[in-house]
Amino acid sequence: MKTATLNLRIDPVLKEAARIAAALEHRSIANLVEVLIRQHCERVGVSIPDQAELFPQEDRDHERA
């Protein structure tokens, strides 16, 4: 599965809270953010397509390799 980089600025207090929350669940901050985005999208009705739906040609190229 491909991943993308997301750089953002955040209040240091929120970053520390995210670090603590992630540690309590044995997650990285990046994984915590991903889970929170997925939960929020589900709650507001935004569907998240599979990568194959977004990058169909790359999947076919990968299958040939």
PDB file of N, CA and C in Angstrom:
ATOM      1  N   MET A   1       0.846  -1.179   0.000  1.00  0.00           N
ATOM      2  CA  MET A   1       0.000   0.000   0.000  1.00  0.00           C
ATOM      3  C   MET A   1       0.889   1.238   0.000  1.00  0.00           C
ATOM      4  N   LYS A   2       0.576   2.159  -0.879  1.00  0.00           N
ATOM      5  CA  LYS A   2       1.312   3.415  -0.930  1.00  0.00           C
ATOM      6  C   LYS A   2       0.918   4.314   0.226  1.00  0.00           C
ATOM      7  N   THR A   3       1.841   5.141   0.638  1.00  0.00           N
ATOM      8  CA  THR A   3       1.524   6.158   1.630  1.00  0.00           C
ATOM      9  C   THR A   3       1.934   7.507   1.073  1.00  0.00           C
ATOM     10  N   ALA A   4       1.371   8.563   1.620  1.00  0.00           N
ATOM     11  CA  ALA A   4       1.691   9.922   1.214  1.00  0.00           C
ATOM     12  C   ALA A   4       2.127  10.698   2.449  1.00  0.00           C
ATOM     13  N   THR A   5       2.904  11.724   2.224  1.00  0.00           N
ATOM     14  CA  THR A   5       3.373  12.574   3.314  1.00  0.00           C
ATOM     15  C   THR A   5       2.402  13.724   3.503  1.00  0.00           C
ATOM     16  N   LEU A   6       2.101  14.033   4.745  1.00  0.00           N
ATOM     17  CA  LEU A   6       1.239  15.158   5.086  1.00  0.00           C
ATOM     18  C   LEU A   6       1.982  15.994   6.120  1.00  0.00           C
ATOM     19  N   ASN A   7       2.371  17.189   5.731  1.00  0.00           N
ATOM     20  CA  ASN A   7       3.040  18.101   6.665  1.00  0.00           C
ATOM     21  C   ASN A   7       2.028  19.138   7.118  1.00  0.00           C
ATOM     22  N   LEU A   8       1.970  19.380   8.411  1.00  0.00           N
ATOM     23  CA  LEU A   8       1.043  20.384   8.911  1.00  0.00           C
ATOM     24  C   LEU A   8       1.616  21.033  10.155  1.00  0.00           C
ATOM     25  N   ARG A   9       1.103  22.201  10.438  1.00  0.00           N
ATOM     26  CA  ARG A   9       1.481  22.905  11.661  1.00  0.00           C
ATOM     27  C   ARG A   9       0.333  22.738  12.653  1.00  0.00           C
ATOM     28  N   ILE A  10       0.698  22.524  13.906  1.00  0.00           N
ATOM     29  CA  ILE A  10      -0.316  22.273  14.933  1.00  0.00           C
ATOM     30  C   ILE A  10       0.161  22.888  16.244  1.00  0.00           C
ATOM     31  N   ASP A  11      -0.776  23.297  17.044  1.00  0.00           N
ATOM     32  CA  ASP A  11      -0.475  23.835  18.362  1.00  0.00           C
ATOM     33  C   ASP A  11       0.315  22.774  19.136  1.00  0.00           C
ATOM     34  N   PRO A  12       1.434  23.154  19.739  1.00  0.00           N
ATOM     35  CA  PRO A  12       2.247  22.177  20.478  1.00  0.00           C
ATOM     36  C   PRO A  12       1.463  21.430  21.562  1.00  0.00           C
ATOM     37  N   VAL A  13       0.492  22.063  22.160  1.00  0.00           N
ATOM     38  CA  VAL A  13      -0.319  21.401  23.189  1.00  0.00           C
ATOM     39  C   VAL A  13      -1.141  20.272  22.554  1.00  0.00           C
ATOM     40  N   LEU A  14      -1.689  20.516  21.365  1.00  0.00           N
ATOM     41  CA  LEU A  14      -2.441  19.467  20.668  1.00  0.00           C
ATOM     42  C   LEU A  14      -1.520  18.338  20.228  1.00  0.00           C
ATOM     43  N   LYS A  15      -0.319  18.683  19.800  1.00  0.00           N
ATOM     44  CA  LYS A  15       0.637  17.641  19.399  1.00  0.00           C
ATOM     45  C   LYS A  15       0.968  16.740  20.586  1.00  0.00           C
ATOM     46  N   GLU A  16       1.182  17.323  21.736  1.00  0.00           N
ATOM     47  CA  GLU A  16       1.489  16.533  22.930  1.00  0.00           C
ATOM     48  C   GLU A  16       0.298  15.662  23.324  1.00  0.00           C
ATOM     49  N   ALA A  17      -0.906  16.210  23.220  1.00  0.00           N
ATOM     50  CA  ALA A  17      -2.100  15.418  23.516  1.00  0.00           C
ATOM     51  C   ALA A  17      -2.211  14.251  22.536  1.00  0.00           C
ATOM     52  N   ALA A  18      -1.912  14.490  21.269  1.00  0.00           N
ATOM     53  CA  ALA A  18      -1.944  13.419  20.261  1.00  0.00           C
ATOM     54  C   ALA A  18      -0.887  12.368  20.566  1.00  0.00           C
ATOM     55  N   ARG A  19       0.288  12.804  21.002  1.00  0.00           N
ATOM     56  CA  ARG A  19       1.353  11.865  21.335  1.00  0.00           C
ATOM     57  C   ARG A  19       0.919  10.958  22.489  1.00  0.00           C
ATOM     58  N   ILE A  20       0.322  11.551  23.502  1.00  0.00           N
ATOM     59  CA  ILE A  20      -0.143  10.774  24.659  1.00  0.00           C
ATOM     60  C   ILE A  20      -1.265   9.820  24.254  1.00  0.00           C
ATOM     61  N   ALA A  21      -2.232  10.326  23.485  1.00  0.00           N
ATOM     62  CA  ALA A  21      -3.350   9.485  23.045  1.00  0.00           C
ATOM     63  C   ALA A  21      -2.849   8.320  22.198  1.00  0.00           C
ATOM     64  N   ALA A  22      -1.898   8.599  21.315  1.00  0.00           N
ATOM     65  CA  ALA A  22      -1.336   7.546  20.465  1.00  0.00           C
ATOM     66  C   ALA A  22      -0.604   6.512  21.318  1.00  0.00           C
ATOM     67  N   ALA A  23       0.165   6.968  22.269  1.00  0.00           N
ATOM     68  CA  ALA A  23       0.916   6.054  23.128  1.00  0.00           C
ATOM     69  C   ALA A  23      -0.023   5.155  23.940  1.00  0.00           C
ATOM     70  N   LEU A  24      -1.123   5.707  24.399  1.00  0.00           N
ATOM     71  CA  LEU A  24      -2.086   4.913  25.166  1.00  0.00           C
ATOM     72  C   LEU A  24      -2.676   3.774  24.340  1.00  0.00           C
ATOM     73  N   GLU A  25      -2.732   3.975  23.024  1.00  0.00           N
ATOM     74  CA  GLU A  25      -3.270   2.945  22.127  1.00  0.00           C
ATOM     75  C   GLU A  25      -2.170   2.197  21.378  1.00  0.00           C
ATOM     76  N   HIS A  26      -0.924   2.415  21.781  1.00  0.00           N
ATOM     77  CA  HIS A  26       0.228   1.769  21.137  1.00  0.00           C
ATOM     78  C   HIS A  26       0.242   2.034  19.636  1.00  0.00           C
ATOM     79  N   ARG A  27       0.002   3.290  19.271  1.00  0.00           N
ATOM     80  CA  ARG A  27       0.004   3.724  17.878  1.00  0.00           C
ATOM     81  C   ARG A  27       1.045   4.814  17.696  1.00  0.00           C
ATOM     82  N   SER A  28       1.399   5.049  16.451  1.00  0.00           N
ATOM     83  CA  SER A  28       2.183   6.236  16.134  1.00  0.00           C
ATOM     84  C   SER A  28       1.213   7.410  16.016  1.00  0.00           C
ATOM     85  N   ILE A  29       1.744   8.612  16.083  1.00  0.00           N
ATOM     86  CA  ILE A  29       0.891   9.786  15.882  1.00  0.00           C
ATOM     87  C   ILE A  29       0.295   9.737  14.477  1.00  0.00           C
ATOM     88  N   ALA A  30       1.084   9.338  13.488  1.00  0.00           N
ATOM     89  CA  ALA A  30       0.588   9.260  12.109  1.00  0.00           C
ATOM     90  C   ALA A  30      -0.596   8.298  12.011  1.00  0.00           C
ATOM     91  N   ASN A  31      -0.485   7.146  12.666  1.00  0.00           N
ATOM     92  CA  ASN A  31      -1.579   6.181  12.626  1.00  0.00           C
ATOM     93  C   ASN A  31      -2.804   6.722  13.356  1.00  0.00           C
ATOM     94  N   LEU A  32      -2.585   7.399  14.474  1.00  0.00           N
ATOM     95  CA  LEU A  32      -3.703   7.999  15.203  1.00  0.00           C
ATOM     96  C   LEU A  32      -4.434   8.999  14.311  1.00  0.00           C
ATOM     97  N   VAL A  33      -3.689   9.840  13.625  1.00  0.00           N
ATOM     98  CA  VAL A  33      -4.303  10.837  12.731  1.00  0.00           C
ATOM     99  C   VAL A  33      -5.085  10.138  11.623  1.00  0.00           C
ATOM    100  N   GLU A  34      -4.514   9.080  11.045  1.00  0.00           N
ATOM    101  CA  GLU A  34      -5.216   8.343   9.993  1.00  0.00           C
ATOM    102  C   GLU A  34      -6.524   7.758  10.518  1.00  0.00           C
ATOM    103  N   VAL A  35      -6.494   7.156  11.692  1.00  0.00           N
ATOM    104  CA  VAL A  35      -7.702   6.579  12.288  1.00  0.00           C
ATOM    105  C   VAL A  35      -8.739   7.671  12.537  1.00  0.00           C
ATOM    106  N   LEU A  36      -8.309   8.801  13.058  1.00  0.00           N
ATOM    107  CA  LEU A  36      -9.243   9.896  13.336  1.00  0.00           C
ATOM    108  C   LEU A  36      -9.863  10.436  12.048  1.00  0.00           C
ATOM    109  N   ILE A  37      -9.075  10.545  10.989  1.00  0.00           N
ATOM    110  CA  ILE A  37      -9.615  11.004   9.702  1.00  0.00           C
ATOM    111  C   ILE A  37     -10.646  10.012   9.182  1.00  0.00           C
ATOM    112  N   ARG A  38     -10.317   8.715   9.246  1.00  0.00           N
ATOM    113  CA  ARG A  38     -11.269   7.694   8.783  1.00  0.00           C
ATOM    114  C   ARG A  38     -12.563   7.746   9.595  1.00  0.00           C
ATOM    115  N   GLN A  39     -12.454   7.880  10.914  1.00  0.00           N
ATOM    116  CA  GLN A  39     -13.650   7.944  11.760  1.00  0.00           C
ATOM    117  C   GLN A  39     -14.480   9.181  11.441  1.00  0.00           C
ATOM    118  N   HIS A  40     -13.818  10.302  11.250  1.00  0.00           N
ATOM    119  CA  HIS A  40     -14.540  11.537  10.943  1.00  0.00           C
ATOM    120  C   HIS A  40     -15.251  11.428   9.593  1.00  0.00           C
ATOM    121  N   CYS A  41     -14.546  10.910   8.594  1.00  0.00           N
ATOM    122  CA  CYS A  41     -15.159  10.757   7.268  1.00  0.00           C
ATOM    123  C   CYS A  41     -16.374   9.848   7.334  1.00  0.00           C
ATOM    124  N   GLU A  42     -16.264   8.765   8.077  1.00  0.00           N
ATOM    125  CA  GLU A  42     -17.408   7.862   8.226  1.00  0.00           C
ATOM    126  C   GLU A  42     -18.581   8.578   8.885  1.00  0.00           C
ATOM    127  N   ARG A  43     -18.275   9.362   9.908  1.00  0.00           N
ATOM    128  CA  ARG A  43     -19.321  10.069  10.657  1.00  0.00           C
ATOM    129  C   ARG A  43     -20.051  11.098   9.793  1.00  0.00           C
ATOM    130  N   VAL A  44     -19.313  11.775   8.881  1.00  0.00           N
ATOM    131  CA  VAL A  44     -19.942  12.821   8.069  1.00  0.00           C
ATOM    132  C   VAL A  44     -20.347  12.331   6.684  1.00  0.00           C
ATOM    133  N   GLY A  45     -20.162  11.042   6.415  1.00  0.00           N
ATOM    134  CA  GLY A  45     -20.632  10.477   5.157  1.00  0.00           C
ATOM    135  C   GLY A  45     -19.696  10.627   3.976  1.00  0.00           C
ATOM    136  N   VAL A  46     -18.416  10.773   4.233  1.00  0.00           N
ATOM    137  CA  VAL A  46     -17.430  10.846   3.147  1.00  0.00           C
ATOM    138  C   VAL A  46     -16.848   9.458   2.952  1.00  0.00           C
ATOM    139  N   SER A  47     -17.020   8.911   1.735  1.00  0.00           N
ATOM    140  CA  SER A  47     -16.483   7.576   1.488  1.00  0.00           C
ATOM    141  C   SER A  47     -14.999   7.680   1.145  1.00  0.00           C
ATOM    142  N   ILE A  48     -14.266   6.679   1.540  1.00  0.00           N
ATOM    143  CA  ILE A  48     -12.832   6.624   1.267  1.00  0.00           C
ATOM    144  C   ILE A  48     -12.612   5.469   0.302  1.00  0.00           C
ATOM    145  N   PRO A  49     -12.255   5.778  -0.950  1.00  0.00           N
ATOM    146  CA  PRO A  49     -12.065   4.709  -1.934  1.00  0.00           C
ATOM    147  C   PRO A  49     -10.796   3.922  -1.664  1.00  0.00           C
ATOM    148  N   ASP A  50     -10.749   2.696  -2.187  1.00  0.00           N
ATOM    149  CA  ASP A  50      -9.521   1.903  -2.136  1.00  0.00           C
ATOM    150  C   ASP A  50      -8.483   2.559  -3.038  1.00  0.00           C
ATOM    151  N   GLN A  51      -7.222   2.293  -2.759  1.00  0.00           N
ATOM    152  CA  GLN A  51      -6.164   2.839  -3.610  1.00  0.00           C
ATOM    153  C   GLN A  51      -6.306   2.367  -5.047  1.00  0.00           C
ATOM    154  N   ALA A  52      -6.773   1.136  -5.249  1.00  0.00           N
ATOM    155  CA  ALA A  52      -6.947   0.606  -6.603  1.00  0.00           C
ATOM    156  C   ALA A  52      -7.937   1.450  -7.399  1.00  0.00           C
ATOM    157  N   GLU A  53      -8.910   2.035  -6.713  1.00  0.00           N
ATOM    158  CA  GLU A  53      -9.883   2.896  -7.389  1.00  0.00           C
ATOM    159  C   GLU A  53      -9.247   4.223  -7.787  1.00  0.00           C
ATOM    160  N   LEU A  54      -8.292   4.699  -6.999  1.00  0.00           N
ATOM    161  CA  LEU A  54      -7.646   5.974  -7.290  1.00  0.00           C
ATOM    162  C   LEU A  54      -6.481   5.830  -8.263  1.00  0.00           C
ATOM    163  N   PHE A  55      -5.779   4.699  -8.186  1.00  0.00           N
ATOM    164  CA  PHE A  55      -4.574   4.493  -8.998  1.00  0.00           C
ATOM    165  C   PHE A  55      -4.656   3.168  -9.756  1.00  0.00           C
ATOM    166  N   PRO A  56      -5.655   2.990 -10.617  1.00  0.00           N
ATOM    167  CA  PRO A  56      -5.831   1.676 -11.259  1.00  0.00           C
ATOM    168  C   PRO A  56      -4.662   1.275 -12.148  1.00  0.00           C
ATOM    169  N   GLN A  57      -4.051   2.189 -12.862  1.00  0.00           N
ATOM    170  CA  GLN A  57      -2.940   1.853 -13.756  1.00  0.00           C
ATOM    171  C   GLN A  57      -1.726   1.373 -12.968  1.00  0.00           C
ATOM    172  N   GLU A  58      -1.433   2.009 -11.860  1.00  0.00           N
ATOM    173  CA  GLU A  58      -0.281   1.610 -11.054  1.00  0.00           C
ATOM    174  C   GLU A  58      -0.450   0.196 -10.523  1.00  0.00           C
ATOM    175  N   ASP A  59      -1.674  -0.192 -10.173  1.00  0.00           N
ATOM    176  CA  ASP A  59      -1.895  -1.558  -9.703  1.00  0.00           C
ATOM    177  C   ASP A  59      -1.635  -2.566 -10.813  1.00  0.00           C
ATOM    178  N   ARG A  60      -2.056  -2.250 -12.028  1.00  0.00           N
ATOM    179  CA  ARG A  60      -1.801  -3.161 -13.143  1.00  0.00           C
ATOM    180  C   ARG A  60      -0.310  -3.254 -13.422  1.00  0.00           C
ATOM    181  N   ASP A  61       0.396  -2.136 -13.334  1.00  0.00           N
ATOM    182  CA  ASP A  61       1.851  -2.154 -13.528  1.00  0.00           C
ATOM    183  C   ASP A  61       2.525  -3.012 -12.473  1.00  0.00           C
ATOM    184  N   HIS A  62       2.045  -2.928 -11.225  1.00  0.00           N
ATOM    185  CA  HIS A  62       2.609  -3.701 -10.121  1.00  0.00           C
ATOM    186  C   HIS A  62       2.387  -5.196 -10.348  1.00  0.00           C
ATOM    187  N   GLU A  63       1.219  -5.563 -10.878  1.00  0.00           N
ATOM    188  CA  GLU A  63       0.921  -6.968 -11.117  1.00  0.00           C
ATOM    189  C   GLU A  63       1.830  -7.560 -12.176  1.00  0.00           C
ATOM    190  N   ARG A  64       2.279  -6.738 -13.125  1.00  0.00           N
ATOM    191  CA  ARG A  64       3.160  -7.232 -14.184  1.00  0.00           C
ATOM    192  C   ARG A  64       4.573  -7.462 -13.702  1.00  0.00           C
ATOM    193  N   ALA A  65       4.983  -6.761 -12.655  1.00  0.00           N
ATOM    194  CA  ALA A  65       6.371  -6.846 -12.181  1.00  0.00           C
ATOM    195  C   ALA A  65       6.657  -8.144 -11.466  1.00  0.00           C
TER     196      ALA A  65
END
